[in-house]
Amino acid sequence: MPDTASLYDFTPLALDGSPYPLSRHRGEVLLIVNTASRCGFTPQYAELEALFERYRAQGFCVLAFPCNQFGKQEPGDSAEIGAFCQRNYGVSFPVMAKVDVNGAEADPVWRYLTQEKPGLLGLPAIKWNFTKFLVGRDGHVVERYAPQTRPAKLAADIERLL
């Protein structure tokens, strides 16, 4: 990956399987989260949606990347994931296709995020569902948050970047 790469250089797949160029978010502040439907942190979807609704008009977006690597807590297919998010949390922010965030099959977006902002002790690995990355308007990672950090606690950091 070139040193000049930014998040905008990547095109993951949306939940419906279509290409989703992240360049469509150029100039926005992003919160990128690996999610799961059967996790103790799953109720964070409600706070993620609240942040999205509160700041979207100012150039903020949440991007969810479902992942089944932690405790097999996201076993469903795309249709099931989408229905779950809508039915239970009214999610209106973009949800991507299910990905791996660690290992040889890790999605390139997640390889980029973890290289830009390693975790504890400088290790890049994602430890659990609902790890969050705050990305500035320039497409580079500003901060990484642990799964237990509630999205509502990120409001001040988001406001600083907006």
N, C-alpha and C. Protein backbone atom coordinates (compact mmCIF):
# COMPACT_ATOMS: atom_id res chain seq x y z
N MET A 1 0.86 -1.18 0.00
CA MET A 1 0.00 0.00 0.00
C MET A 1 0.90 1.24 0.00
N PRO A 2 0.71 2.16 -0.95
CA PRO A 2 1.56 3.34 -1.01
C PRO A 2 1.35 4.25 0.20
N ASP A 3 2.40 4.99 0.55
CA ASP A 3 2.30 5.91 1.69
C ASP A 3 1.25 6.99 1.47
N THR A 4 0.96 7.29 0.22
CA THR A 4 0.01 8.36 -0.09
C THR A 4 -1.44 7.89 -0.03
N ALA A 5 -1.66 6.61 0.19
CA ALA A 5 -3.02 6.08 0.22
C ALA A 5 -3.83 6.75 1.32
N SER A 6 -5.07 6.95 1.04
CA SER A 6 -6.01 7.38 2.07
C SER A 6 -7.19 6.41 2.00
N LEU A 7 -8.07 6.54 2.92
CA LEU A 7 -9.25 5.68 2.95
C LEU A 7 -10.04 5.80 1.66
N TYR A 8 -9.97 6.96 1.03
CA TYR A 8 -10.74 7.21 -0.19
C TYR A 8 -10.29 6.36 -1.38
N ASP A 9 -9.14 5.69 -1.27
CA ASP A 9 -8.63 4.85 -2.36
C ASP A 9 -9.28 3.47 -2.39
N PHE A 10 -10.13 3.15 -1.42
CA PHE A 10 -10.68 1.81 -1.30
C PHE A 10 -12.14 1.74 -1.76
N THR A 11 -12.51 0.57 -2.25
CA THR A 11 -13.89 0.33 -2.70
C THR A 11 -14.35 -1.01 -2.14
N PRO A 12 -14.85 -1.01 -0.90
CA PRO A 12 -15.41 -2.26 -0.36
C PRO A 12 -16.75 -2.54 -1.04
N LEU A 13 -17.37 -3.64 -0.66
CA LEU A 13 -18.69 -3.96 -1.17
C LEU A 13 -19.75 -3.53 -0.16
N ALA A 14 -20.82 -2.95 -0.67
CA ALA A 14 -21.97 -2.61 0.16
C ALA A 14 -22.70 -3.89 0.54
N LEU A 15 -23.62 -3.79 1.46
CA LEU A 15 -24.37 -4.95 1.92
C LEU A 15 -25.09 -5.66 0.77
N ASP A 16 -25.49 -4.91 -0.24
CA ASP A 16 -26.18 -5.51 -1.40
C ASP A 16 -25.21 -6.11 -2.42
N GLY A 17 -23.89 -6.06 -2.12
CA GLY A 17 -22.90 -6.65 -3.01
C GLY A 17 -22.36 -5.71 -4.07
N SER A 18 -22.87 -4.51 -4.13
CA SER A 18 -22.40 -3.55 -5.13
C SER A 18 -21.14 -2.83 -4.63
N PRO A 19 -20.27 -2.38 -5.55
CA PRO A 19 -19.08 -1.63 -5.14
C PRO A 19 -19.50 -0.34 -4.43
N TYR A 20 -18.78 -0.01 -3.38
CA TYR A 20 -19.07 1.19 -2.59
C TYR A 20 -17.77 1.99 -2.47
N PRO A 21 -17.47 2.85 -3.46
CA PRO A 21 -16.23 3.63 -3.40
C PRO A 21 -16.25 4.59 -2.20
N LEU A 22 -15.25 4.47 -1.35
CA LEU A 22 -15.19 5.36 -0.19
C LEU A 22 -14.88 6.79 -0.61
N SER A 23 -14.46 6.98 -1.85
CA SER A 23 -14.23 8.34 -2.35
C SER A 23 -15.51 9.17 -2.32
N ARG A 24 -16.66 8.52 -2.25
CA ARG A 24 -17.92 9.28 -2.15
C ARG A 24 -18.01 10.04 -0.83
N HIS A 25 -17.13 9.68 0.11
CA HIS A 25 -17.12 10.37 1.41
C HIS A 25 -15.95 11.36 1.53
N ARG A 26 -15.28 11.63 0.43
CA ARG A 26 -14.14 12.57 0.46
C ARG A 26 -14.59 13.87 1.13
N GLY A 27 -13.80 14.33 2.08
CA GLY A 27 -14.10 15.57 2.78
C GLY A 27 -15.02 15.41 3.98
N GLU A 28 -15.46 14.20 4.25
CA GLU A 28 -16.32 13.97 5.42
C GLU A 28 -15.50 13.38 6.57
N VAL A 29 -16.06 13.49 7.75
CA VAL A 29 -15.52 12.81 8.93
C VAL A 29 -16.27 11.48 9.00
N LEU A 30 -15.52 10.40 9.19
CA LEU A 30 -16.12 9.07 9.22
C LEU A 30 -15.85 8.35 10.53
N LEU A 31 -16.80 7.56 10.95
CA LEU A 31 -16.61 6.64 12.07
C LEU A 31 -16.85 5.24 11.49
N ILE A 32 -15.79 4.44 11.46
CA ILE A 32 -15.86 3.11 10.86
C ILE A 32 -15.81 2.08 11.98
N VAL A 33 -16.76 1.14 11.94
CA VAL A 33 -16.96 0.20 13.06
C VAL A 33 -17.14 -1.22 12.52
N ASN A 34 -16.45 -2.19 13.15
CA ASN A 34 -16.76 -3.59 12.84
C ASN A 34 -17.89 -4.01 13.77
N THR A 35 -18.95 -4.51 13.19
CA THR A 35 -20.18 -4.76 13.94
C THR A 35 -20.55 -6.24 13.93
N ALA A 36 -21.48 -6.59 14.81
CA ALA A 36 -22.03 -7.94 14.89
C ALA A 36 -23.42 -7.86 15.52
N SER A 37 -24.31 -8.71 15.06
CA SER A 37 -25.70 -8.68 15.50
C SER A 37 -25.97 -9.40 16.81
N ARG A 38 -25.05 -10.28 17.22
CA ARG A 38 -25.29 -11.10 18.42
C ARG A 38 -24.21 -10.89 19.47
N CYS A 39 -23.79 -9.66 19.63
CA CYS A 39 -22.71 -9.30 20.55
C CYS A 39 -23.27 -8.50 21.71
N GLY A 40 -22.61 -8.57 22.84
CA GLY A 40 -23.02 -7.74 23.97
C GLY A 40 -22.96 -6.25 23.67
N PHE A 41 -22.15 -5.87 22.68
CA PHE A 41 -22.03 -4.46 22.29
C PHE A 41 -23.01 -4.06 21.19
N THR A 42 -23.82 -4.99 20.70
CA THR A 42 -24.74 -4.71 19.59
C THR A 42 -25.65 -3.51 19.86
N PRO A 43 -26.10 -3.27 21.10
CA PRO A 43 -26.93 -2.08 21.34
C PRO A 43 -26.23 -0.76 20.98
N GLN A 44 -24.91 -0.80 20.75
CA GLN A 44 -24.22 0.42 20.31
C GLN A 44 -24.74 0.90 18.96
N TYR A 45 -25.39 0.03 18.20
CA TYR A 45 -26.01 0.48 16.95
C TYR A 45 -26.90 1.70 17.17
N ALA A 46 -27.64 1.71 18.28
CA ALA A 46 -28.55 2.84 18.57
C ALA A 46 -27.77 4.13 18.73
N GLU A 47 -26.65 4.10 19.43
CA GLU A 47 -25.84 5.30 19.61
C GLU A 47 -25.14 5.70 18.32
N LEU A 48 -24.73 4.71 17.52
CA LEU A 48 -24.13 5.02 16.22
C LEU A 48 -25.14 5.74 15.34
N GLU A 49 -26.38 5.25 15.33
CA GLU A 49 -27.42 5.90 14.54
C GLU A 49 -27.69 7.31 15.06
N ALA A 50 -27.69 7.50 16.37
CA ALA A 50 -27.92 8.83 16.94
C ALA A 50 -26.82 9.80 16.53
N LEU A 51 -25.55 9.35 16.56
CA LEU A 51 -24.45 10.20 16.11
C LEU A 51 -24.61 10.56 14.63
N PHE A 52 -24.95 9.57 13.82
CA PHE A 52 -25.13 9.80 12.39
C PHE A 52 -26.22 10.85 12.16
N GLU A 53 -27.35 10.69 12.81
CA GLU A 53 -28.45 11.64 12.64
C GLU A 53 -28.06 13.04 13.12
N ARG A 54 -27.33 13.10 14.22
CA ARG A 54 -26.95 14.39 14.82
C ARG A 54 -25.97 15.18 13.95
N TYR A 55 -25.02 14.49 13.30
CA TYR A 55 -23.93 15.18 12.62
C TYR A 55 -23.90 15.03 11.10
N ARG A 56 -24.78 14.26 10.54
CA ARG A 56 -24.70 13.99 9.09
C ARG A 56 -24.77 15.25 8.25
N ALA A 57 -25.58 16.21 8.64
CA ALA A 57 -25.70 17.45 7.86
C ALA A 57 -24.42 18.27 7.86
N GLN A 58 -23.53 17.97 8.84
CA GLN A 58 -22.26 18.69 8.94
C GLN A 58 -21.12 17.94 8.24
N GLY A 59 -21.44 16.84 7.57
CA GLY A 59 -20.40 16.10 6.86
C GLY A 59 -19.83 14.95 7.66
N PHE A 60 -20.68 14.22 8.35
CA PHE A 60 -20.26 13.07 9.15
C PHE A 60 -21.02 11.84 8.69
N CYS A 61 -20.34 10.70 8.67
CA CYS A 61 -21.01 9.45 8.31
C CYS A 61 -20.43 8.31 9.13
N VAL A 62 -21.28 7.36 9.46
CA VAL A 62 -20.88 6.11 10.10
C VAL A 62 -20.88 5.04 9.02
N LEU A 63 -19.88 4.18 9.02
CA LEU A 63 -19.83 3.04 8.12
C LEU A 63 -19.65 1.78 8.96
N ALA A 64 -20.60 0.86 8.84
CA ALA A 64 -20.54 -0.40 9.59
C ALA A 64 -20.03 -1.51 8.68
N PHE A 65 -19.13 -2.32 9.22
CA PHE A 65 -18.60 -3.48 8.53
C PHE A 65 -18.88 -4.71 9.37
N PRO A 66 -19.96 -5.44 9.10
CA PRO A 66 -20.25 -6.65 9.86
C PRO A 66 -19.09 -7.65 9.74
N CYS A 67 -18.85 -8.36 10.84
CA CYS A 67 -17.73 -9.31 10.89
C CYS A 67 -18.12 -10.49 11.77
N ASN A 68 -17.77 -11.69 11.33
CA ASN A 68 -18.12 -12.91 12.07
C ASN A 68 -16.89 -13.56 12.71
N GLN A 69 -15.80 -12.81 12.85
CA GLN A 69 -14.55 -13.39 13.36
C GLN A 69 -14.49 -13.51 14.88
N PHE A 70 -15.39 -12.89 15.59
CA PHE A 70 -15.31 -12.87 17.05
C PHE A 70 -16.52 -13.58 17.63
N GLY A 71 -16.30 -14.79 18.11
CA GLY A 71 -17.38 -15.55 18.73
C GLY A 71 -18.49 -15.92 17.76
N LYS A 72 -18.23 -15.85 16.46
CA LYS A 72 -19.27 -16.18 15.44
C LYS A 72 -20.57 -15.42 15.72
N GLN A 73 -20.42 -14.13 16.06
CA GLN A 73 -21.57 -13.33 16.49
C GLN A 73 -22.25 -12.58 15.34
N GLU A 74 -21.82 -12.84 14.11
CA GLU A 74 -22.50 -12.28 12.93
C GLU A 74 -22.66 -13.38 11.88
N PRO A 75 -23.48 -14.40 12.19
CA PRO A 75 -23.59 -15.56 11.30
C PRO A 75 -24.48 -15.34 10.08
N GLY A 76 -25.30 -14.32 10.08
CA GLY A 76 -26.28 -14.15 9.01
C GLY A 76 -25.70 -13.74 7.68
N ASP A 77 -26.55 -13.86 6.64
CA ASP A 77 -26.16 -13.36 5.33
C ASP A 77 -26.53 -11.88 5.23
N SER A 78 -26.24 -11.29 4.09
CA SER A 78 -26.46 -9.85 3.93
C SER A 78 -27.90 -9.44 4.19
N ALA A 79 -28.85 -10.20 3.67
CA ALA A 79 -30.26 -9.86 3.86
C ALA A 79 -30.64 -9.90 5.35
N GLU A 80 -30.16 -10.91 6.05
CA GLU A 80 -30.47 -11.02 7.48
C GLU A 80 -29.83 -9.87 8.27
N ILE A 81 -28.59 -9.53 7.93
CA ILE A 81 -27.89 -8.44 8.63
C ILE A 81 -28.64 -7.12 8.41
N GLY A 82 -28.97 -6.84 7.16
CA GLY A 82 -29.68 -5.60 6.85
C GLY A 82 -31.02 -5.51 7.56
N ALA A 83 -31.79 -6.60 7.54
CA ALA A 83 -33.10 -6.61 8.20
C ALA A 83 -32.95 -6.42 9.70
N PHE A 84 -31.96 -7.07 10.29
CA PHE A 84 -31.71 -6.93 11.73
C PHE A 84 -31.41 -5.48 12.09
N CYS A 85 -30.50 -4.86 11.36
CA CYS A 85 -30.09 -3.47 11.65
C CYS A 85 -31.27 -2.51 11.53
N GLN A 86 -32.06 -2.69 10.49
CA GLN A 86 -33.20 -1.81 10.26
C GLN A 86 -34.30 -2.04 11.30
N ARG A 87 -34.64 -3.29 11.51
CA ARG A 87 -35.75 -3.65 12.41
C ARG A 87 -35.45 -3.27 13.86
N ASN A 88 -34.26 -3.55 14.32
CA ASN A 88 -33.94 -3.37 15.74
C ASN A 88 -33.39 -2.00 16.09
N TYR A 89 -32.72 -1.34 15.14
CA TYR A 89 -32.05 -0.08 15.47
C TYR A 89 -32.33 1.05 14.49
N GLY A 90 -33.13 0.81 13.48
CA GLY A 90 -33.45 1.85 12.51
C GLY A 90 -32.23 2.40 11.80
N VAL A 91 -31.24 1.55 11.58
CA VAL A 91 -29.97 2.00 11.00
C VAL A 91 -30.21 2.58 9.61
N SER A 92 -29.76 3.82 9.42
CA SER A 92 -29.86 4.47 8.11
C SER A 92 -28.50 4.80 7.53
N PHE A 93 -27.43 4.56 8.28
CA PHE A 93 -26.09 4.79 7.75
C PHE A 93 -25.68 3.57 6.92
N PRO A 94 -24.66 3.71 6.07
CA PRO A 94 -24.26 2.59 5.21
C PRO A 94 -23.71 1.40 5.99
N VAL A 95 -24.16 0.22 5.57
CA VAL A 95 -23.65 -1.04 6.12
C VAL A 95 -23.01 -1.78 4.94
N MET A 96 -21.79 -2.20 5.14
CA MET A 96 -21.05 -2.89 4.09
C MET A 96 -21.31 -4.39 4.15
N ALA A 97 -20.82 -5.10 3.16
CA ALA A 97 -20.88 -6.55 3.17
C ALA A 97 -19.99 -7.08 4.29
N LYS A 98 -20.32 -8.26 4.78
CA LYS A 98 -19.55 -8.88 5.87
C LYS A 98 -18.10 -9.09 5.42
N VAL A 99 -17.17 -8.76 6.32
CA VAL A 99 -15.74 -8.86 6.03
C VAL A 99 -14.99 -9.51 7.18
N ASP A 100 -13.77 -9.91 6.91
CA ASP A 100 -12.81 -10.24 7.95
C ASP A 100 -12.03 -8.97 8.24
N VAL A 101 -11.70 -8.74 9.50
CA VAL A 101 -10.92 -7.56 9.88
C VAL A 101 -9.50 -7.93 10.30
N ASN A 102 -9.25 -9.21 10.49
CA ASN A 102 -7.94 -9.73 10.87
C ASN A 102 -7.55 -10.86 9.93
N GLY A 103 -6.25 -11.14 9.89
CA GLY A 103 -5.76 -12.32 9.19
C GLY A 103 -5.50 -12.11 7.71
N ALA A 104 -5.17 -13.20 7.07
CA ALA A 104 -4.79 -13.18 5.66
C ALA A 104 -5.92 -12.70 4.76
N GLU A 105 -7.15 -12.92 5.17
CA GLU A 105 -8.31 -12.52 4.35
C GLU A 105 -8.91 -11.19 4.80
N ALA A 106 -8.19 -10.44 5.63
CA ALA A 106 -8.71 -9.16 6.11
C ALA A 106 -9.00 -8.23 4.94
N ASP A 107 -10.13 -7.55 5.02
CA ASP A 107 -10.50 -6.59 3.99
C ASP A 107 -9.43 -5.49 3.92
N PRO A 108 -9.10 -5.02 2.72
CA PRO A 108 -8.08 -3.97 2.59
C PRO A 108 -8.38 -2.71 3.40
N VAL A 109 -9.64 -2.37 3.55
CA VAL A 109 -9.99 -1.20 4.37
C VAL A 109 -9.48 -1.40 5.79
N TRP A 110 -9.66 -2.59 6.33
CA TRP A 110 -9.27 -2.87 7.71
C TRP A 110 -7.76 -3.01 7.85
N ARG A 111 -7.10 -3.51 6.82
CA ARG A 111 -5.63 -3.52 6.86
C ARG A 111 -5.13 -2.08 6.92
N TYR A 112 -5.73 -1.21 6.14
CA TYR A 112 -5.35 0.21 6.13
C TYR A 112 -5.59 0.85 7.51
N LEU A 113 -6.79 0.65 8.05
CA LEU A 113 -7.14 1.26 9.34
C LEU A 113 -6.17 0.83 10.44
N THR A 114 -5.89 -0.47 10.50
CA THR A 114 -5.04 -0.97 11.58
C THR A 114 -3.58 -0.60 11.39
N GLN A 115 -3.15 -0.38 10.15
CA GLN A 115 -1.79 0.12 9.92
C GLN A 115 -1.68 1.58 10.33
N GLU A 116 -2.72 2.35 10.04
CA GLU A 116 -2.70 3.77 10.39
C GLU A 116 -2.79 3.99 11.90
N LYS A 117 -3.54 3.15 12.57
CA LYS A 117 -3.73 3.34 14.02
C LYS A 117 -3.73 1.98 14.71
N PRO A 118 -2.52 1.46 15.00
CA PRO A 118 -2.46 0.19 15.72
C PRO A 118 -3.11 0.31 17.11
N GLY A 119 -3.41 -0.82 17.67
CA GLY A 119 -4.05 -0.84 18.98
C GLY A 119 -3.04 -0.87 20.11
N LEU A 120 -3.47 -1.44 21.20
CA LEU A 120 -2.67 -1.54 22.41
C LEU A 120 -1.31 -2.18 22.12
N LEU A 121 -0.27 -1.61 22.67
CA LEU A 121 1.10 -2.10 22.49
C LEU A 121 1.56 -2.07 21.04
N GLY A 122 0.88 -1.26 20.22
CA GLY A 122 1.28 -1.14 18.82
C GLY A 122 0.87 -2.31 17.95
N LEU A 123 0.02 -3.18 18.48
CA LEU A 123 -0.43 -4.34 17.70
C LEU A 123 -1.61 -3.94 16.82
N PRO A 124 -1.58 -4.33 15.55
CA PRO A 124 -2.65 -3.91 14.65
C PRO A 124 -3.96 -4.67 14.80
N ALA A 125 -3.92 -5.87 15.34
CA ALA A 125 -5.10 -6.74 15.36
C ALA A 125 -6.31 -6.09 16.05
N ILE A 126 -7.47 -6.34 15.46
CA ILE A 126 -8.74 -5.96 16.08
C ILE A 126 -9.02 -7.04 17.12
N LYS A 127 -9.37 -6.63 18.33
CA LYS A 127 -9.56 -7.60 19.41
C LYS A 127 -11.00 -8.10 19.54
N TRP A 128 -12.00 -7.30 19.11
CA TRP A 128 -13.38 -7.72 19.27
C TRP A 128 -14.28 -6.84 18.43
N ASN A 129 -15.56 -7.21 18.38
CA ASN A 129 -16.58 -6.43 17.67
C ASN A 129 -16.68 -5.02 18.24
N PHE A 130 -17.07 -4.10 17.40
CA PHE A 130 -17.34 -2.71 17.75
C PHE A 130 -16.07 -1.92 18.10
N THR A 131 -14.94 -2.30 17.51
CA THR A 131 -13.76 -1.44 17.51
C THR A 131 -14.08 -0.32 16.54
N LYS A 132 -13.72 0.90 16.91
CA LYS A 132 -14.12 2.07 16.13
C LYS A 132 -12.90 2.88 15.69
N PHE A 133 -12.95 3.39 14.46
CA PHE A 133 -11.90 4.25 13.92
C PHE A 133 -12.54 5.56 13.48
N LEU A 134 -12.02 6.66 14.01
CA LEU A 134 -12.47 7.99 13.61
C LEU A 134 -11.51 8.50 12.54
N VAL A 135 -12.06 8.84 11.39
CA VAL A 135 -11.27 9.25 10.24
C VAL A 135 -11.56 10.72 9.93
N GLY A 136 -10.49 11.51 9.75
CA GLY A 136 -10.64 12.92 9.44
C GLY A 136 -11.04 13.16 8.00
N ARG A 137 -11.32 14.40 7.68
CA ARG A 137 -11.77 14.79 6.34
C ARG A 137 -10.73 14.46 5.26
N ASP A 138 -9.47 14.27 5.67
CA ASP A 138 -8.40 13.96 4.72
C ASP A 138 -8.29 12.46 4.42
N GLY A 139 -9.15 11.64 5.04
CA GLY A 139 -9.12 10.20 4.78
C GLY A 139 -8.11 9.44 5.61
N HIS A 140 -7.56 10.08 6.64
CA HIS A 140 -6.59 9.42 7.51
C HIS A 140 -7.16 9.25 8.92
N VAL A 141 -6.75 8.16 9.56
CA VAL A 141 -7.27 7.82 10.88
C VAL A 141 -6.75 8.79 11.93
N VAL A 142 -7.66 9.32 12.72
CA VAL A 142 -7.33 10.24 13.80
C VAL A 142 -7.26 9.50 15.14
N GLU A 143 -8.19 8.57 15.34
CA GLU A 143 -8.26 7.89 16.64
C GLU A 143 -8.87 6.49 16.46
N ARG A 144 -8.48 5.63 17.38
CA ARG A 144 -9.02 4.27 17.45
C ARG A 144 -9.60 4.09 18.84
N TYR A 145 -10.79 3.49 18.91
CA TYR A 145 -11.48 3.32 20.19
C TYR A 145 -11.78 1.84 20.43
N ALA A 146 -11.68 1.45 21.67
CA ALA A 146 -11.95 0.07 22.07
C ALA A 146 -13.44 -0.24 21.96
N PRO A 147 -13.79 -1.52 21.85
CA PRO A 147 -15.20 -1.91 21.75
C PRO A 147 -16.07 -1.36 22.88
N GLN A 148 -15.54 -1.32 24.08
CA GLN A 148 -16.36 -0.88 25.22
C GLN A 148 -16.57 0.64 25.25
N THR A 149 -15.86 1.40 24.41
CA THR A 149 -16.07 2.84 24.35
C THR A 149 -17.40 3.10 23.64
N ARG A 150 -18.33 3.65 24.36
CA ARG A 150 -19.65 3.89 23.80
C ARG A 150 -19.60 5.00 22.77
N PRO A 151 -20.31 4.85 21.67
CA PRO A 151 -20.30 5.87 20.62
C PRO A 151 -20.66 7.27 21.13
N ALA A 152 -21.59 7.37 22.05
CA ALA A 152 -21.99 8.68 22.56
C ALA A 152 -20.81 9.45 23.16
N LYS A 153 -19.82 8.72 23.66
CA LYS A 153 -18.64 9.35 24.26
C LYS A 153 -17.72 9.97 23.21
N LEU A 154 -17.99 9.73 21.92
CA LEU A 154 -17.12 10.24 20.85
C LEU A 154 -17.58 11.59 20.32
N ALA A 155 -18.70 12.09 20.80
CA ALA A 155 -19.27 13.33 20.25
C ALA A 155 -18.27 14.49 20.24
N ALA A 156 -17.55 14.70 21.32
CA ALA A 156 -16.60 15.83 21.37
C ALA A 156 -15.50 15.66 20.34
N ASP A 157 -15.00 14.45 20.18
CA ASP A 157 -13.95 14.20 19.17
C ASP A 157 -14.48 14.44 17.76
N ILE A 158 -15.70 14.01 17.51
CA ILE A 158 -16.32 14.22 16.20
C ILE A 158 -16.49 15.72 15.94
N GLU A 159 -17.00 16.43 16.94
CA GLU A 159 -17.21 17.88 16.79
C GLU A 159 -15.93 18.61 16.49
N ARG A 160 -14.81 18.20 17.10
CA ARG A 160 -13.53 18.84 16.84
C ARG A 160 -13.11 18.71 15.37
N LEU A 161 -13.46 17.58 14.77
CA LEU A 161 -13.09 17.34 13.37
C LEU A 161 -14.06 17.99 12.38
N LEU A 162 -15.26 18.24 12.82
CA LEU A 162 -16.25 18.86 11.93
C LEU A 162 -15.97 20.35 11.82
